[in-house]
Protein backbone atom coordinates (compact mmCIF):
# COMPACT_ATOMS: atom_id res chain seq x y z
CA MET A 1 51.95 92.32 4.52
CA ASN A 2 50.32 94.65 6.62
CA GLY A 3 51.20 93.64 10.02
CA ALA A 4 47.62 93.37 11.64
CA GLY A 5 47.86 90.17 12.17
CA MET A 6 50.91 91.78 14.25
CA VAL A 7 49.38 94.20 16.20
CA GLU A 8 49.17 93.20 20.19
CA LYS A 9 46.28 94.01 21.37
CA ARG A 10 46.07 95.60 24.48
CA GLY A 11 42.95 95.52 27.72
CA TRP A 12 42.89 94.22 31.15
CA GLY A 13 44.32 91.30 30.02
CA LEU A 14 47.04 93.08 30.19
CA TRP A 15 46.27 94.52 33.39
CA LEU A 16 44.89 91.25 34.59
CA THR A 17 48.52 89.63 34.39
CA HIS A 18 50.50 92.73 35.97
CA GLY A 19 47.58 92.82 37.89
CA LEU A 20 48.66 88.96 38.91
CA LEU A 21 52.85 89.29 39.05
CA LEU A 22 52.82 92.38 41.02
CA LEU A 23 50.64 90.47 43.10
CA GLY A 24 53.14 87.33 43.28
CA VAL A 25 56.08 90.16 44.01
CA ALA A 26 54.35 91.54 46.86
CA LEU A 27 53.58 87.68 47.88
CA VAL A 28 57.33 87.44 48.16
CA CYS A 29 59.31 90.42 49.35
CA PHE A 30 56.52 90.99 52.53
CA PRO A 31 58.59 87.88 54.66
CA ILE A 32 61.93 90.05 53.63
CA TYR A 33 60.17 93.11 54.28
CA VAL A 34 58.76 91.94 58.13
CA THR A 35 62.42 90.77 58.24
CA LEU A 36 63.95 93.92 57.99
CA VAL A 37 61.42 95.79 60.18
CA ALA A 38 61.80 93.35 62.72
CA SER A 39 65.76 93.82 62.47
CA THR A 40 64.98 97.45 63.34
CA VAL A 41 63.20 97.57 66.76
CA THR A 42 63.26 96.33 69.97
CA GLN A 43 62.92 92.10 71.58
CA GLN A 44 59.70 92.87 72.90
CA ASP A 45 59.00 94.96 69.97
CA ILE A 46 58.71 91.96 68.33
CA VAL A 47 56.90 89.71 70.71
CA GLN A 48 54.11 91.63 71.74
CA PRO A 49 51.15 91.57 68.91
CA PRO A 50 50.82 93.18 66.06
CA LEU A 51 54.50 93.07 64.60
CA PRO A 52 55.17 96.30 63.89
CA LEU A 53 55.12 96.99 60.00
CA ILE A 54 56.57 100.98 60.43
CA PRO A 55 61.01 100.11 61.31
CA GLY A 56 61.86 101.11 63.67
CA SER A 57 64.77 103.64 65.49
CA HIS A 58 67.17 100.34 66.71
CA ALA A 59 68.57 99.35 63.49
CA ILE A 60 72.30 100.86 63.72
CA GLU A 61 71.52 99.54 67.90
CA ASN A 62 70.95 96.45 66.45
CA TYR A 63 72.54 95.53 63.42
CA SER A 64 76.34 97.09 65.26
CA LYS A 65 75.92 94.48 68.38
CA ALA A 66 75.15 92.25 65.66
CA LEU A 67 78.03 92.78 63.89
CA TRP A 68 80.32 93.60 66.91
CA SER A 69 79.13 91.38 69.89
CA GLY A 70 76.91 88.38 68.34
CA VAL A 71 75.22 85.46 70.62
CA ASN A 72 77.31 83.75 69.99
CA THR A 73 79.88 84.66 67.37
CA PRO A 74 79.77 88.34 66.02
CA VAL A 75 79.18 88.90 62.49
CA TRP A 76 82.56 89.85 61.25
CA ARG A 77 84.20 87.09 62.12
CA MET A 78 81.35 84.34 60.32
CA LEU A 79 81.72 87.24 57.09
CA MET A 80 85.29 87.22 57.26
CA ASN A 81 85.20 82.41 57.94
CA SER A 82 83.22 82.81 54.16
CA THR A 83 85.48 84.94 52.90
CA VAL A 84 88.57 83.61 53.28
CA MET A 85 86.70 80.23 52.59
CA ALA A 86 84.81 81.85 49.50
CA LEU A 87 88.10 83.06 48.22
CA GLY A 88 90.82 79.52 48.97
CA ILE A 89 87.95 77.34 47.16
CA THR A 90 87.15 79.99 43.77
CA ILE A 91 91.50 80.75 43.60
CA GLY A 92 92.49 76.71 44.24
CA LYS A 93 89.75 75.44 42.30
CA ILE A 94 90.50 77.65 38.98
CA ILE A 95 94.17 76.76 39.30
CA ILE A 96 93.44 72.98 39.94
CA SER A 97 91.07 72.80 36.72
CA LEU A 98 92.68 74.66 35.09
CA LEU A 99 95.91 72.55 35.44
CA SER A 100 94.27 69.84 34.16
CA ALA A 101 91.97 71.02 31.37
CA TYR A 102 95.23 72.09 30.15
CA ALA A 103 97.37 68.42 30.46
CA ILE A 104 94.26 66.76 29.03
CA VAL A 105 93.77 68.65 25.97
CA TYR A 106 97.82 69.08 25.14
CA PHE A 107 99.96 66.89 26.74
CA ARG A 108 100.01 63.04 25.30
CA PHE A 109 100.23 60.34 27.88
CA PRO A 110 98.85 56.81 28.03
CA GLY A 111 95.09 57.39 29.79
CA ARG A 112 94.25 60.69 28.43
CA SER A 113 90.92 60.25 27.66
CA PHE A 114 90.52 57.37 30.37
CA CYS A 115 91.51 60.27 32.87
CA PHE A 116 88.85 62.93 31.18
CA TRP A 117 86.35 60.35 31.69
CA THR A 118 86.87 59.63 34.68
CA ILE A 119 86.65 63.50 35.47
CA PHE A 120 83.59 63.82 33.44
CA LEU A 121 81.72 60.96 35.33
CA THR A 122 81.97 62.34 38.51
CA LEU A 123 79.57 65.00 37.91
CA MET A 124 76.69 61.88 37.72
CA LEU A 125 77.89 62.18 41.48
CA PRO A 126 74.96 63.18 44.36
CA VAL A 127 76.42 65.71 46.93
CA GLU A 128 74.83 63.69 48.92
CA VAL A 129 76.51 60.66 48.20
CA ARG A 130 80.66 62.19 49.23
CA ILE A 131 79.71 63.01 52.02
CA VAL A 132 80.49 60.47 54.38
CA PRO A 133 83.69 60.02 52.34
CA THR A 134 84.67 63.61 52.40
CA TYR A 135 84.20 63.61 56.38
CA GLU A 136 86.39 61.02 56.21
CA VAL A 137 89.22 61.09 54.70
CA VAL A 138 89.46 65.24 55.99
CA ALA A 139 89.01 62.88 59.01
CA GLY A 140 92.01 60.90 58.46
CA PHE A 141 94.09 63.54 57.16
CA GLY A 142 93.48 65.38 60.70
CA LEU A 143 92.30 68.61 59.00
CA LEU A 144 88.47 68.61 61.20
CA ASN A 145 87.03 72.44 62.52
CA SER A 146 90.49 73.65 59.76
CA TYR A 147 90.21 76.08 56.82
CA ALA A 148 92.38 73.44 54.94
CA GLY A 149 89.11 70.68 55.80
CA LEU A 150 86.94 72.88 54.27
CA THR A 151 87.75 74.08 50.99
CA LEU A 152 89.61 71.22 50.06
CA PRO A 153 87.93 68.59 49.65
CA LEU A 154 85.40 71.41 47.41
CA ILE A 155 88.89 72.50 45.36
CA ALA A 156 88.10 70.09 42.59
CA SER A 157 85.80 70.04 40.20
CA ALA A 158 85.21 68.64 36.96
CA THR A 159 82.79 70.92 35.68
CA ALA A 160 84.92 72.85 36.26
CA THR A 161 87.63 71.21 34.10
CA PHE A 162 85.31 70.55 31.42
CA LEU A 163 83.92 73.74 30.98
CA PHE A 164 88.43 75.07 30.52
CA ARG A 165 89.14 71.58 27.83
CA GLN A 166 85.86 72.58 26.32
CA PHE A 167 87.46 76.46 25.53
CA PHE A 168 90.99 75.32 25.49
CA MET A 169 89.83 72.65 22.07
């Protein structure tokens, strides 16, 4: 076999494909670019047409004002809240899922299969179905407006339990 049928054709089709892809990338990235430029100019520059497309000289001033003082809440506080929540949910999810998967795989107890399938069936419940009951439970425990109320309902993970179970098996 000489491989003549495997030669890749190059020409206008290749250029057209790449041109369309670059146009799509520009279309997706342009709003992000405009947002970044808008964050480097004054509010007066933003509200007066035309919107500048070249970064301004107020970037450090604007970012430090947003980070440390903010309008209602400084951004650094929101970043810390997100970090605490993300770490709490991640560590809790790993611990709970590891323990439950380990128990299902290595311990022999009555209802072991039922426990696994009950956990597995919760994968089919969309988040929207669980919002109101989760709120009711958190409110019932008095955990509204707290880290525990935000993180504890998200710690149990059927997906992670299933994946750890498959790993242990």
